[in-house]
N, C-alpha and C. Protein backbone atom coordinates (compact mmCIF):
# COMPACT_ATOMS: atom_id res chain seq x y z
N MET A 1 148.34 -6.81 58.04
CA MET A 1 148.83 -5.66 58.79
C MET A 1 148.22 -5.66 60.19
N ALA A 2 148.95 -5.12 61.11
CA ALA A 2 148.45 -5.03 62.48
C ALA A 2 147.45 -3.87 62.59
N TRP A 3 146.37 -4.11 63.31
CA TRP A 3 145.32 -3.10 63.45
C TRP A 3 145.82 -1.87 64.17
N TRP A 4 146.73 -2.06 65.12
CA TRP A 4 147.18 -0.93 65.93
C TRP A 4 148.02 0.05 65.11
N VAL A 5 148.60 -0.41 64.02
CA VAL A 5 149.39 0.51 63.16
C VAL A 5 148.46 1.56 62.56
N TRP A 6 147.27 1.14 62.14
CA TRP A 6 146.30 2.09 61.58
C TRP A 6 145.82 3.07 62.63
N VAL A 7 145.59 2.58 63.85
CA VAL A 7 145.11 3.47 64.92
C VAL A 7 146.19 4.48 65.30
N VAL A 8 147.43 4.04 65.41
CA VAL A 8 148.53 4.95 65.73
C VAL A 8 148.72 5.96 64.59
N ALA A 9 148.63 5.50 63.35
CA ALA A 9 148.75 6.42 62.21
C ALA A 9 147.63 7.46 62.24
N GLY A 10 146.43 7.03 62.59
CA GLY A 10 145.31 7.97 62.70
C GLY A 10 145.56 9.00 63.79
N CYS A 11 146.11 8.58 64.91
CA CYS A 11 146.43 9.53 65.99
C CYS A 11 147.51 10.51 65.56
N VAL A 12 148.52 10.03 64.86
CA VAL A 12 149.59 10.91 64.38
C VAL A 12 149.04 11.91 63.37
N ILE A 13 148.18 11.46 62.47
CA ILE A 13 147.58 12.38 61.50
C ILE A 13 146.66 13.38 62.20
N GLY A 14 145.97 12.94 63.26
CA GLY A 14 145.14 13.85 64.04
C GLY A 14 145.97 14.92 64.73
N ILE A 15 147.15 14.54 65.24
CA ILE A 15 148.06 15.53 65.84
C ILE A 15 148.57 16.48 64.77
N LEU A 16 148.83 15.96 63.58
CA LEU A 16 149.24 16.83 62.47
C LEU A 16 148.16 17.86 62.14
N GLU A 17 146.89 17.45 62.24
CA GLU A 17 145.79 18.39 62.01
C GLU A 17 145.80 19.50 63.07
N LEU A 18 146.17 19.17 64.29
CA LEU A 18 146.27 20.19 65.34
C LEU A 18 147.41 21.17 65.07
N LEU A 19 148.52 20.66 64.53
CA LEU A 19 149.67 21.52 64.26
C LEU A 19 149.50 22.35 63.00
N VAL A 20 148.83 21.79 62.00
CA VAL A 20 148.60 22.48 60.73
C VAL A 20 147.09 22.49 60.49
N PRO A 21 146.37 23.42 61.10
CA PRO A 21 144.90 23.39 61.01
C PRO A 21 144.41 23.74 59.60
N ALA A 22 144.24 22.72 58.79
CA ALA A 22 143.80 22.95 57.42
C ALA A 22 142.48 22.26 57.13
N PHE A 23 141.94 21.52 58.11
CA PHE A 23 140.70 20.76 57.97
C PHE A 23 140.78 19.78 56.81
N VAL A 24 141.99 19.26 56.56
CA VAL A 24 142.17 18.26 55.53
C VAL A 24 142.56 16.94 56.16
N PHE A 25 143.45 17.00 57.14
CA PHE A 25 144.00 15.80 57.73
C PHE A 25 143.02 15.08 58.66
N LEU A 26 141.99 15.75 59.11
CA LEU A 26 141.05 15.15 60.05
C LEU A 26 140.29 13.98 59.40
N GLY A 27 139.92 14.12 58.15
CA GLY A 27 139.25 13.02 57.45
C GLY A 27 140.16 11.81 57.30
N PHE A 28 141.45 12.06 57.02
CA PHE A 28 142.41 10.97 56.92
C PHE A 28 142.61 10.30 58.27
N ALA A 29 142.63 11.09 59.34
CA ALA A 29 142.80 10.54 60.69
C ALA A 29 141.62 9.63 61.04
N VAL A 30 140.42 10.09 60.77
CA VAL A 30 139.23 9.28 61.06
C VAL A 30 139.23 8.02 60.20
N GLY A 31 139.61 8.14 58.94
CA GLY A 31 139.67 6.97 58.05
C GLY A 31 140.68 5.94 58.52
N ALA A 32 141.83 6.40 59.00
CA ALA A 32 142.85 5.46 59.48
C ALA A 32 142.39 4.76 60.76
N VAL A 33 141.80 5.50 61.68
CA VAL A 33 141.31 4.88 62.91
C VAL A 33 140.20 3.89 62.61
N LEU A 34 139.28 4.25 61.72
CA LEU A 34 138.20 3.33 61.37
C LEU A 34 138.72 2.08 60.67
N THR A 35 139.74 2.23 59.84
CA THR A 35 140.35 1.07 59.19
C THR A 35 140.96 0.14 60.22
N GLY A 36 141.65 0.72 61.21
CA GLY A 36 142.21 -0.09 62.29
C GLY A 36 141.14 -0.78 63.11
N LEU A 37 140.04 -0.08 63.38
CA LEU A 37 138.96 -0.68 64.16
C LEU A 37 138.25 -1.79 63.40
N ILE A 38 138.12 -1.64 62.09
CA ILE A 38 137.53 -2.72 61.27
C ILE A 38 138.44 -3.94 61.31
N GLU A 39 139.74 -3.70 61.20
CA GLU A 39 140.69 -4.81 61.25
C GLU A 39 140.67 -5.50 62.62
N TRP A 40 140.56 -4.72 63.68
CA TRP A 40 140.55 -5.27 65.04
C TRP A 40 139.27 -6.04 65.34
N SER A 41 138.14 -5.49 64.91
CA SER A 41 136.86 -6.08 65.27
C SER A 41 136.52 -7.31 64.44
N GLY A 42 137.14 -7.46 63.29
CA GLY A 42 136.86 -8.62 62.45
C GLY A 42 135.56 -8.49 61.66
N LEU A 43 135.11 -7.28 61.42
CA LEU A 43 133.92 -7.07 60.59
C LEU A 43 134.16 -7.64 59.19
N PRO A 44 133.11 -7.84 58.40
CA PRO A 44 133.27 -8.47 57.08
C PRO A 44 134.36 -7.88 56.18
N PRO A 45 134.58 -6.56 56.15
CA PRO A 45 135.68 -6.09 55.29
C PRO A 45 137.05 -6.56 55.76
N ALA A 46 137.19 -6.94 57.03
CA ALA A 46 138.49 -7.38 57.54
C ALA A 46 138.94 -8.67 56.85
N GLY A 47 138.02 -9.58 56.61
CA GLY A 47 138.38 -10.81 55.91
C GLY A 47 138.78 -10.55 54.48
N TRP A 48 138.14 -9.59 53.86
CA TRP A 48 138.46 -9.22 52.48
C TRP A 48 139.81 -8.51 52.40
N MET A 49 140.15 -7.76 53.46
CA MET A 49 141.40 -6.99 53.47
C MET A 49 142.59 -7.82 53.91
N ALA A 50 142.39 -9.00 54.44
CA ALA A 50 143.44 -9.79 55.08
C ALA A 50 144.68 -9.92 54.20
N GLY A 51 145.75 -9.34 54.69
CA GLY A 51 147.05 -9.49 54.03
C GLY A 51 147.23 -8.73 52.73
N SER A 52 146.34 -7.87 52.37
CA SER A 52 146.42 -7.16 51.10
C SER A 52 146.53 -5.66 51.34
N LEU A 53 147.70 -5.11 51.06
CA LEU A 53 147.89 -3.68 51.24
C LEU A 53 147.00 -2.85 50.32
N PRO A 54 146.83 -3.22 49.04
CA PRO A 54 145.91 -2.43 48.21
C PRO A 54 144.48 -2.42 48.73
N ALA A 55 144.03 -3.54 49.28
CA ALA A 55 142.67 -3.57 49.85
C ALA A 55 142.58 -2.69 51.09
N HIS A 56 143.62 -2.70 51.93
CA HIS A 56 143.65 -1.81 53.08
C HIS A 56 143.61 -0.35 52.65
N LEU A 57 144.40 -0.02 51.65
CA LEU A 57 144.44 1.37 51.17
C LEU A 57 143.11 1.78 50.54
N LEU A 58 142.44 0.85 49.87
CA LEU A 58 141.14 1.15 49.29
C LEU A 58 140.11 1.44 50.37
N VAL A 59 140.08 0.60 51.40
CA VAL A 59 139.14 0.83 52.50
C VAL A 59 139.48 2.13 53.22
N PHE A 60 140.77 2.38 53.45
CA PHE A 60 141.21 3.62 54.07
C PHE A 60 140.79 4.84 53.25
N GLY A 61 140.97 4.78 51.94
CA GLY A 61 140.60 5.90 51.08
C GLY A 61 139.10 6.17 51.07
N VAL A 62 138.33 5.11 50.99
CA VAL A 62 136.87 5.27 50.97
C VAL A 62 136.38 5.82 52.32
N LEU A 63 136.88 5.26 53.42
CA LEU A 63 136.47 5.75 54.73
C LEU A 63 136.92 7.19 54.98
N SER A 64 138.10 7.53 54.49
CA SER A 64 138.60 8.91 54.65
C SER A 64 137.73 9.89 53.87
N LEU A 65 137.36 9.52 52.66
CA LEU A 65 136.50 10.38 51.86
C LEU A 65 135.14 10.56 52.51
N LEU A 66 134.55 9.46 52.98
CA LEU A 66 133.25 9.55 53.65
C LEU A 66 133.34 10.38 54.93
N ALA A 67 134.43 10.20 55.68
CA ALA A 67 134.61 10.98 56.91
C ALA A 67 134.77 12.46 56.59
N TRP A 68 135.55 12.77 55.56
CA TRP A 68 135.75 14.18 55.20
C TRP A 68 134.45 14.82 54.73
N LEU A 69 133.69 14.10 53.91
CA LEU A 69 132.41 14.63 53.45
C LEU A 69 131.44 14.82 54.61
N GLY A 70 131.42 13.86 55.54
CA GLY A 70 130.55 13.99 56.70
C GLY A 70 130.95 15.15 57.60
N LEU A 71 132.24 15.29 57.84
CA LEU A 71 132.72 16.41 58.66
C LEU A 71 132.45 17.75 57.97
N ARG A 72 132.61 17.77 56.68
CA ARG A 72 132.36 19.00 55.91
C ARG A 72 130.88 19.38 55.97
N ALA A 73 130.01 18.37 55.92
CA ALA A 73 128.57 18.65 55.99
C ALA A 73 128.17 19.15 57.36
N VAL A 74 128.80 18.63 58.41
CA VAL A 74 128.43 19.02 59.77
C VAL A 74 129.09 20.33 60.18
N PHE A 75 130.39 20.46 59.92
CA PHE A 75 131.13 21.62 60.42
C PHE A 75 131.51 22.63 59.35
N GLY A 76 131.13 22.41 58.11
CA GLY A 76 131.48 23.32 57.03
C GLY A 76 130.76 24.65 57.16
N ILE A 77 131.12 25.56 56.29
CA ILE A 77 130.49 26.88 56.29
C ILE A 77 129.04 26.72 55.87
N GLY A 78 128.15 27.24 56.69
CA GLY A 78 126.73 27.17 56.37
C GLY A 78 126.36 28.19 55.31
N HIS A 79 125.19 28.01 54.74
CA HIS A 79 124.73 28.92 53.71
C HIS A 79 124.37 30.26 54.34
N GLY A 80 124.78 31.33 53.73
CA GLY A 80 124.47 32.66 54.22
C GLY A 80 125.42 33.17 55.28
N GLN A 81 126.52 32.48 55.51
CA GLN A 81 127.48 32.91 56.51
C GLN A 81 128.70 33.53 55.82
N VAL A 82 128.47 34.55 55.08
CA VAL A 82 129.54 35.23 54.37
C VAL A 82 129.91 36.48 55.15
N LYS A 83 131.20 36.69 55.37
CA LYS A 83 131.67 37.86 56.10
C LYS A 83 131.81 39.02 55.13
N LEU A 84 131.10 40.10 55.40
CA LEU A 84 131.20 41.31 54.59
C LEU A 84 132.03 42.33 55.36
N TRP A 85 133.06 42.80 54.73
CA TRP A 85 133.94 43.78 55.37
C TRP A 85 133.47 45.18 55.02
N GLU A 86 133.16 45.96 56.03
CA GLU A 86 132.71 47.34 55.83
C GLU A 86 133.88 48.29 55.67
N LYS A 87 134.94 48.03 56.41
CA LYS A 87 136.06 48.95 56.41
C LYS A 87 137.36 48.12 56.30
N ASP A 88 138.25 48.61 55.47
CA ASP A 88 139.54 47.95 55.29
C ASP A 88 140.54 48.61 56.23
N ILE A 89 141.53 47.84 56.65
CA ILE A 89 142.56 48.37 57.55
C ILE A 89 143.39 49.44 56.87
N ASN A 90 143.44 49.43 55.53
CA ASN A 90 144.24 50.42 54.80
C ASN A 90 143.46 51.68 54.45
N ASP A 91 142.15 51.70 54.74
CA ASP A 91 141.36 52.91 54.49
C ASP A 91 141.72 53.99 55.51
N ASN A 92 141.72 55.24 55.04
CA ASN A 92 142.05 56.35 55.95
C ASN A 92 140.80 56.95 56.52
């Protein structure tokens, strides 16, 4: 597979995250871009992935999961940051 396809797919998924802010697609976008960069740079997993779609998808899945977990750890809700509502809009 061409490396630029993964990078373009990552950019498209990143734009999807902007349109549908669910904090789910960002990990997939990072995973796709990293998969493309591994393929482009020729790092050791690139030789293992050569010409194999299942191997590409495995690397993409693992990188996406690691990216999502990392983003969740950095930008997720911190401990003790619970919003307590004192007054409801329907209270008179």
